[in-house]
C-alpha atoms as a PDB file:
ATOM      1  CA  MET A   1      17.541  14.404  -8.904  1.00  0.00           C
ATOM      2  CA  THR A   2      15.616  17.387 -10.289  1.00  0.00           C
ATOM      3  CA  ASP A   3      15.485  20.760  -8.524  1.00  0.00           C
ATOM      4  CA  SER A   4      11.837  20.066  -7.684  1.00  0.00           C
ATOM      5  CA  SER A   5      12.716  16.676  -6.178  1.00  0.00           C
ATOM      6  CA  ARG A   6      15.498  18.219  -4.102  1.00  0.00           C
ATOM      7  CA  GLN A   7      13.116  20.874  -2.822  1.00  0.00           C
ATOM      8  CA  ASP A   8      10.475  18.252  -1.993  1.00  0.00           C
ATOM      9  CA  SER A   9      13.124  16.302  -0.073  1.00  0.00           C
ATOM     10  CA  SER A  10      14.136  19.451   1.825  1.00  0.00           C
ATOM     11  CA  VAL A  11      10.546  20.238   2.792  1.00  0.00           C
ATOM     12  CA  SER A  12       9.908  16.662   3.895  1.00  0.00           C
ATOM     13  CA  ALA A  13      13.085  16.447   6.001  1.00  0.00           C
ATOM     14  CA  GLN A  14      12.553  19.866   7.567  1.00  0.00           C
ATOM     15  CA  TYR A  15       8.978  19.211   8.614  1.00  0.00           C
ATOM     16  CA  ASP A  16       9.673  15.675   9.778  1.00  0.00           C
ATOM     17  CA  ALA A  17      12.101  17.300  12.220  1.00  0.00           C
ATOM     18  CA  TRP A  18       9.430  19.818  13.290  1.00  0.00           C
ATOM     19  CA  ALA A  19       6.583  17.321  13.672  1.00  0.00           C
ATOM     20  CA  ARG A  20       6.790  16.601  17.414  1.00  0.00           C
ATOM     21  CA  VAL A  21       6.970  20.243  18.516  1.00  0.00           C
ATOM     22  CA  TYR A  22       5.217  22.051  15.667  1.00  0.00           C
ATOM     23  CA  ASP A  23       1.858  22.602  17.371  1.00  0.00           C
ATOM     24  CA  TRP A  24       3.516  23.883  20.539  1.00  0.00           C
ATOM     25  CA  PHE A  25       6.106  26.111  18.865  1.00  0.00           C
ATOM     26  CA  TRP A  26       3.713  27.673  16.344  1.00  0.00           C
ATOM     27  CA  ALA A  27       0.606  27.825  18.575  1.00  0.00           C
ATOM     28  CA  ARG A  28       0.415  31.628  18.605  1.00  0.00           C
ATOM     29  CA  TYR A  29       0.921  31.847  14.853  1.00  0.00           C
ATOM     30  CA  MET A  30      -1.749  29.221  14.161  1.00  0.00           C
ATOM     31  CA  ASN A  31      -4.174  31.004  16.466  1.00  0.00           C
ATOM     32  CA  GLY A  32      -3.582  34.167  14.445  1.00  0.00           C
ATOM     33  CA  THR A  33      -4.134  32.539  11.052  1.00  0.00           C
ATOM     34  CA  LEU A  34      -6.255  29.375  11.150  1.00  0.00           C
ATOM     35  CA  PRO A  35      -9.429  31.099  12.449  1.00  0.00           C
ATOM     36  CA  VAL A  36      -9.208  33.334   9.368  1.00  0.00           C
ATOM     37  CA  VAL A  37      -8.992  30.294   7.083  1.00  0.00           C
ATOM     38  CA  ARG A  38     -11.943  28.701   8.887  1.00  0.00           C
ATOM     39  CA  ARG A  39     -14.089  31.755   8.223  1.00  0.00           C
ATOM     40  CA  MET A  40     -12.993  31.916   4.601  1.00  0.00           C
ATOM     41  CA  ALA A  41     -13.671  28.208   4.028  1.00  0.00           C
ATOM     42  CA  ASP A  42     -17.124  28.306   5.634  1.00  0.00           C
ATOM     43  CA  ALA A  43     -17.279  24.526   5.301  1.00  0.00           C
ATOM     44  CA  LYS A  44     -20.691  22.840   5.406  1.00  0.00           C
ATOM     45  CA  PRO A  45     -21.469  19.374   6.815  1.00  0.00           C
ATOM     46  CA  ASN A  46     -22.315  17.955   3.376  1.00  0.00           C
ATOM     47  CA  GLU A  47     -19.165  19.252   1.651  1.00  0.00           C
ATOM     48  CA  ARG A  48     -15.841  17.663   0.735  1.00  0.00           C
ATOM     49  CA  MET A  49     -12.740  19.624   1.739  1.00  0.00           C
ATOM     50  CA  LEU A  50      -9.050  19.180   0.967  1.00  0.00           C
ATOM     51  CA  ASP A  51      -6.217  20.794   2.955  1.00  0.00           C
ATOM     52  CA  LEU A  52      -2.995  21.172   0.944  1.00  0.00           C
ATOM     53  CA  ALA A  53       0.193  20.645   2.976  1.00  0.00           C
ATOM     54  CA  CYS A  54      -1.968  19.971   6.016  1.00  0.00           C
ATOM     55  CA  GLY A  55       0.920  19.539   8.468  1.00  0.00           C
ATOM     56  CA  THR A  56      -0.259  18.164  11.792  1.00  0.00           C
ATOM     57  CA  GLY A  57      -3.899  18.437  10.727  1.00  0.00           C
ATOM     58  CA  GLU A  58      -4.723  21.360  12.995  1.00  0.00           C
ATOM     59  CA  LEU A  59      -6.852  23.201  10.445  1.00  0.00           C
ATOM     60  CA  LEU A  60      -8.834  20.055   9.669  1.00  0.00           C
ATOM     61  CA  ARG A  61      -9.315  19.399  13.386  1.00  0.00           C
ATOM     62  CA  ARG A  62     -10.873  22.844  13.747  1.00  0.00           C
ATOM     63  CA  ILE A  63     -12.957  22.483  10.573  1.00  0.00           C
ATOM     64  CA  ALA A  64     -14.328  19.175  11.889  1.00  0.00           C
ATOM     65  CA  LYS A  65     -15.880  21.130  14.787  1.00  0.00           C
ATOM     66  CA  ASP A  66     -17.491  23.620  12.383  1.00  0.00           C
ATOM     67  CA  ALA A  67     -18.837  21.032   9.956  1.00  0.00           C
ATOM     68  CA  PRO A  68     -19.308  17.609  11.546  1.00  0.00           C
ATOM     69  CA  GLY A  69     -20.047  15.185   8.760  1.00  0.00           C
ATOM     70  CA  ALA A  70     -17.952  16.995   6.144  1.00  0.00           C
ATOM     71  CA  ALA A  71     -15.587  14.694   4.248  1.00  0.00           C
ATOM     72  CA  LEU A  72     -12.123  15.986   5.152  1.00  0.00           C
ATOM     73  CA  ARG A  73      -8.929  15.116   3.300  1.00  0.00           C
ATOM     74  CA  GLY A  74      -5.379  16.299   3.885  1.00  0.00           C
ATOM     75  CA  VAL A  75      -2.109  15.821   2.031  1.00  0.00           C
ATOM     76  CA  ASP A  76       1.435  16.543   3.148  1.00  0.00           C
ATOM     77  CA  LEU A  77       4.944  15.651   1.946  1.00  0.00           C
ATOM     78  CA  ALA A  78       6.429  14.918   5.374  1.00  0.00           C
ATOM     79  CA  PRO A  79       5.712  11.386   6.646  1.00  0.00           C
ATOM     80  CA  LYS A  80       5.940  12.374  10.308  1.00  0.00           C
ATOM     81  CA  MET A  81       3.527  15.255   9.787  1.00  0.00           C
ATOM     82  CA  VAL A  82       1.124  12.801   8.157  1.00  0.00           C
ATOM     83  CA  GLU A  83       1.522  10.496  11.146  1.00  0.00           C
ATOM     84  CA  ARG A  84       0.791  13.324  13.595  1.00  0.00           C
ATOM     85  CA  ALA A  85      -2.232  14.450  11.614  1.00  0.00           C
ATOM     86  CA  ARG A  86      -3.647  10.929  11.482  1.00  0.00           C
ATOM     87  CA  HIS A  87      -3.231  10.619  15.244  1.00  0.00           C
ATOM     88  CA  LYS A  88      -4.853  13.995  15.866  1.00  0.00           C
ATOM     89  CA  LEU A  89      -7.837  13.158  13.644  1.00  0.00           C
ATOM     90  CA  ALA A  90      -8.202   9.527  14.735  1.00  0.00           C
ATOM     91  CA  ASP A  91     -11.572  10.286  16.328  1.00  0.00           C
ATOM     92  CA  VAL A  92     -12.900  12.026  13.177  1.00  0.00           C
ATOM     93  CA  PRO A  93     -14.201   9.106  11.093  1.00  0.00           C
ATOM     94  CA  ASN A  94     -14.676  11.178   7.947  1.00  0.00           C
ATOM     95  CA  ALA A  95     -11.065  12.490   7.886  1.00  0.00           C
ATOM     96  CA  ARG A  96      -8.303  10.940   5.769  1.00  0.00           C
ATOM     97  CA  ILE A  97      -4.669  12.052   5.590  1.00  0.00           C
ATOM     98  CA  GLU A  98      -2.133  10.836   3.066  1.00  0.00           C
ATOM     99  CA  ARG A  99       1.361  11.607   1.916  1.00  0.00           C
ATOM    100  CA  ALA A 100       1.196  13.404  -1.418  1.00  0.00           C
ATOM    101  CA  ASP A 101       2.612  16.353  -3.325  1.00  0.00           C
ATOM    102  CA  ALA A 102       0.351  19.340  -3.991  1.00  0.00           C
ATOM    103  CA  HIS A 103       1.917  19.549  -7.462  1.00  0.00           C
ATOM    104  CA  GLU A 104       0.394  16.149  -8.338  1.00  0.00           C
ATOM    105  CA  LEU A 105      -2.720  15.433  -6.313  1.00  0.00           C
ATOM    106  CA  PRO A 106      -3.923  11.810  -6.096  1.00  0.00           C
ATOM    107  CA  PHE A 107      -7.605  12.646  -6.593  1.00  0.00           C
ATOM    108  CA  ALA A 108     -10.014  12.506  -9.484  1.00  0.00           C
ATOM    109  CA  GLY A 109     -11.274  15.693 -11.081  1.00  0.00           C
ATOM    110  CA  ASP A 110     -14.320  17.498  -9.659  1.00  0.00           C
ATOM    111  CA  THR A 111     -13.874  15.904  -6.227  1.00  0.00           C
ATOM    112  CA  PHE A 112     -13.881  18.765  -3.692  1.00  0.00           C
ATOM    113  CA  ASP A 113     -16.136  21.646  -2.766  1.00  0.00           C
ATOM    114  CA  VAL A 114     -13.369  23.432  -0.864  1.00  0.00           C
ATOM    115  CA  VAL A 115      -9.580  23.379  -1.152  1.00  0.00           C
ATOM    116  CA  ALA A 116      -7.589  25.169   1.548  1.00  0.00           C
ATOM    117  CA  CYS A 117      -3.984  26.303   1.260  1.00  0.00           C
ATOM    118  CA  ALA A 118      -2.883  27.794   4.573  1.00  0.00           C
ATOM    119  CA  ASN A 119       0.609  29.144   5.291  1.00  0.00           C
ATOM    120  CA  THR A 120       2.349  27.056   2.652  1.00  0.00           C
ATOM    121  CA  PHE A 121       2.137  28.726  -0.760  1.00  0.00           C
ATOM    122  CA  HIS A 122       5.644  30.174  -0.240  1.00  0.00           C
ATOM    123  CA  TYR A 123       7.091  26.630  -0.366  1.00  0.00           C
ATOM    124  CA  PHE A 124       5.722  25.567  -3.750  1.00  0.00           C
ATOM    125  CA  THR A 125       8.361  25.305  -6.470  1.00  0.00           C
ATOM    126  CA  HIS A 126       5.770  25.592  -9.235  1.00  0.00           C
ATOM    127  CA  PRO A 127       2.757  27.455  -7.816  1.00  0.00           C
ATOM    128  CA  VAL A 128       1.021  27.671 -11.187  1.00  0.00           C
ATOM    129  CA  ALA A 129       1.100  23.857 -11.411  1.00  0.00           C
ATOM    130  CA  VAL A 130      -0.401  23.632  -7.920  1.00  0.00           C
ATOM    131  CA  LEU A 131      -3.191  26.012  -8.908  1.00  0.00           C
ATOM    132  CA  GLY A 132      -3.818  23.887 -11.993  1.00  0.00           C
ATOM    133  CA  GLU A 133      -4.203  20.811  -9.796  1.00  0.00           C
ATOM    134  CA  VAL A 134      -6.539  22.699  -7.470  1.00  0.00           C
ATOM    135  CA  ARG A 135      -8.598  23.793 -10.471  1.00  0.00           C
ATOM    136  CA  ARG A 136      -8.778  20.183 -11.658  1.00  0.00           C
ATOM    137  CA  VAL A 137      -9.970  18.669  -8.359  1.00  0.00           C
ATOM    138  CA  LEU A 138     -12.478  21.414  -7.514  1.00  0.00           C
ATOM    139  CA  ARG A 139     -16.099  20.785  -8.381  1.00  0.00           C
ATOM    140  CA  PRO A 140     -17.970  23.367 -10.461  1.00  0.00           C
ATOM    141  CA  GLY A 141     -18.835  26.192  -8.089  1.00  0.00           C
ATOM    142  CA  GLY A 142     -16.177  25.084  -5.599  1.00  0.00           C
ATOM    143  CA  ARG A 143     -13.766  27.445  -3.894  1.00  0.00           C
ATOM    144  CA  LEU A 144     -10.092  27.748  -3.086  1.00  0.00           C
ATOM    145  CA  VAL A 145      -9.227  29.554   0.137  1.00  0.00           C
ATOM    146  CA  LEU A 146      -5.609  30.654   0.347  1.00  0.00           C
ATOM    147  CA  LEU A 147      -3.771  32.388   3.179  1.00  0.00           C
ATOM    148  CA  ASP A 148      -0.052  33.150   3.165  1.00  0.00           C
ATOM    149  CA  TRP A 149       2.640  35.666   4.003  1.00  0.00           C
ATOM    150  CA  CYS A 150       2.314  38.934   2.120  1.00  0.00           C
ATOM    151  CA  ARG A 151       5.321  40.583   0.516  1.00  0.00           C
ATOM    152  CA  ASP A 152       3.497  43.915   0.570  1.00  0.00           C
ATOM    153  CA  TYR A 153       4.664  44.238   4.201  1.00  0.00           C
ATOM    154  CA  TRP A 154       8.303  45.241   4.698  1.00  0.00           C
ATOM    155  CA  THR A 155       8.756  42.687   7.481  1.00  0.00           C
ATOM    156  CA  CYS A 156       7.834  39.893   5.068  1.00  0.00           C
ATOM    157  CA  ARG A 157      10.226  41.289   2.449  1.00  0.00           C
ATOM    158  CA  VAL A 158      12.996  41.062   5.046  1.00  0.00           C
ATOM    159  CA  MET A 159      12.000  37.495   5.967  1.00  0.00           C
ATOM    160  CA  ASP A 160      11.877  36.590   2.284  1.00  0.00           C
ATOM    161  CA  ARG A 161      15.491  37.698   1.744  1.00  0.00           C
ATOM    162  CA  VAL A 162      16.719  35.935   4.870  1.00  0.00           C
ATOM    163  CA  LEU A 163      14.887  32.674   4.225  1.00  0.00           C
ATOM    164  CA  ARG A 164      16.156  32.462   0.648  1.00  0.00           C
ATOM    165  CA  HIS A 165      19.652  32.128   2.144  1.00  0.00           C
ATOM    166  CA  ILE A 166      19.048  29.953   5.206  1.00  0.00           C
ATOM    167  CA  ASP A 167      16.076  27.725   4.360  1.00  0.00           C
ATOM    168  CA  PRO A 168      16.670  25.247   1.507  1.00  0.00           C
ATOM    169  CA  ALA A 169      12.954  24.424   1.377  1.00  0.00           C
ATOM    170  CA  TYR A 170      11.780  28.025   0.998  1.00  0.00           C
ATOM    171  CA  GLU A 171      10.815  29.450  -2.403  1.00  0.00           C
ATOM    172  CA  THR A 172       9.273  32.933  -2.166  1.00  0.00           C
ATOM    173  CA  CYS A 173       6.313  34.919  -0.885  1.00  0.00           C
ATOM    174  CA  TYR A 174       4.186  37.142  -3.100  1.00  0.00           C
ATOM    175  CA  THR A 175       2.429  40.471  -3.061  1.00  0.00           C
ATOM    176  CA  LEU A 176      -1.347  40.440  -3.053  1.00  0.00           C
ATOM    177  CA  PRO A 177      -1.530  41.812  -6.634  1.00  0.00           C
ATOM    178  CA  ALA A 178       0.900  39.093  -7.807  1.00  0.00           C
ATOM    179  CA  LEU A 179      -1.184  36.403  -6.124  1.00  0.00           C
ATOM    180  CA  THR A 180      -4.486  37.583  -7.584  1.00  0.00           C
ATOM    181  CA  THR A 181      -2.902  37.851 -11.040  1.00  0.00           C
ATOM    182  CA  MET A 182      -1.590  34.297 -10.725  1.00  0.00           C
ATOM    183  CA  LEU A 183      -5.027  33.064  -9.701  1.00  0.00           C
ATOM    184  CA  ARG A 184      -6.722  34.777 -12.634  1.00  0.00           C
ATOM    185  CA  HIS A 185      -4.168  33.348 -15.074  1.00  0.00           C
ATOM    186  CA  ALA A 186      -5.024  29.916 -13.631  1.00  0.00           C
ATOM    187  CA  THR A 187      -8.688  30.627 -14.610  1.00  0.00           C
ATOM    188  CA  PHE A 188      -9.996  31.564 -11.194  1.00  0.00           C
ATOM    189  CA  ASP A 189     -12.247  34.484 -10.331  1.00  0.00           C
ATOM    190  CA  VAL A 190     -11.190  36.224  -7.116  1.00  0.00           C
ATOM    191  CA  PRO A 191     -14.258  37.718  -5.418  1.00  0.00           C
ATOM    192  CA  ASP A 192     -12.459  38.363  -2.131  1.00  0.00           C
ATOM    193  CA  ALA A 193      -8.828  39.297  -1.437  1.00  0.00           C
ATOM    194  CA  PHE A 194      -7.407  41.114   1.582  1.00  0.00           C
ATOM    195  CA  ARG A 195      -4.376  41.805   3.760  1.00  0.00           C
ATOM    196  CA  TYR A 196      -4.026  41.924   7.533  1.00  0.00           C
ATOM    197  CA  ARG A 197      -1.449  41.913  10.334  1.00  0.00           C
ATOM    198  CA  PHE A 198      -1.871  40.111  13.602  1.00  0.00           C
ATOM    199  CA  ASP A 199       1.372  41.439  15.086  1.00  0.00           C
ATOM    200  CA  PHE A 200       4.429  43.496  14.108  1.00  0.00           C
ATOM    201  CA  VAL A 201       6.096  40.695  12.136  1.00  0.00           C
ATOM    202  CA  TRP A 202       3.370  38.719  10.440  1.00  0.00           C
ATOM    203  CA  GLY A 203       1.765  40.423   7.487  1.00  0.00           C
ATOM    204  CA  MET A 204      -0.728  38.102   5.819  1.00  0.00           C
ATOM    205  CA  MET A 205      -2.869  38.000   2.696  1.00  0.00           C
ATOM    206  CA  GLY A 206      -5.930  35.946   1.936  1.00  0.00           C
ATOM    207  CA  ALA A 207      -7.992  35.183  -1.128  1.00  0.00           C
ATOM    208  CA  VAL A 208     -11.142  33.268  -1.956  1.00  0.00           C
ATOM    209  CA  ALA A 209     -11.097  32.076  -5.556  1.00  0.00           C
ATOM    210  CA  ARG A 210     -13.621  30.186  -7.676  1.00  0.00           C
ATOM    211  CA  PRO A 211     -13.146  28.472 -11.038  1.00  0.00           C
ATOM    212  CA  THR A 212     -14.003  30.943 -13.774  1.00  0.00           C
ATOM    213  CA  GLY A 213     -17.432  30.439 -15.277  1.00  0.00           C
ATOM    214  CA  THR A 214     -18.929  28.468 -12.397  1.00  0.00           C
END
């Protein structure tokens, strides 16, 4: 088994175990982050949107209220998270959730107007490969909206060191300059990038990126 496969297995097992209580346990955190992603995405009813590592589908549930009629897709590695997301979105006829790896998306090129990556970039073993897949599936003029922990904050640097030792699924979090550099190397323009805190612990960063030349 490759290192990537072992990490994928760790993520899947960990989040399968979380699936039943995830929304309850992380409610405060989601309420401090998902509204930001919603504003960044600014999804329209005629658009197609993909949520990478969608978990229980909470972001897509909220987006469905903003943009009824938008074609919503979500992928996640953990089967039980996929099951929970499908149940949550059962009354949204234009939503589809499937088990898939963000490193190898099961979609044709130029498929989506918006790709969201919320609170999960720190788990990707090969983030440049993920960005390449996002670039491939985005339509010309489409946008990637990314929100994650920000290593620029000392609290996140502490969490990063701890999680490297106790969480087999965890990879690393990045500074905002490192993230924007990575995006530009993956041929994205980054018209908007920012940091914010919503409490003492959680220091976040966000970016809106568009394929270069579109």
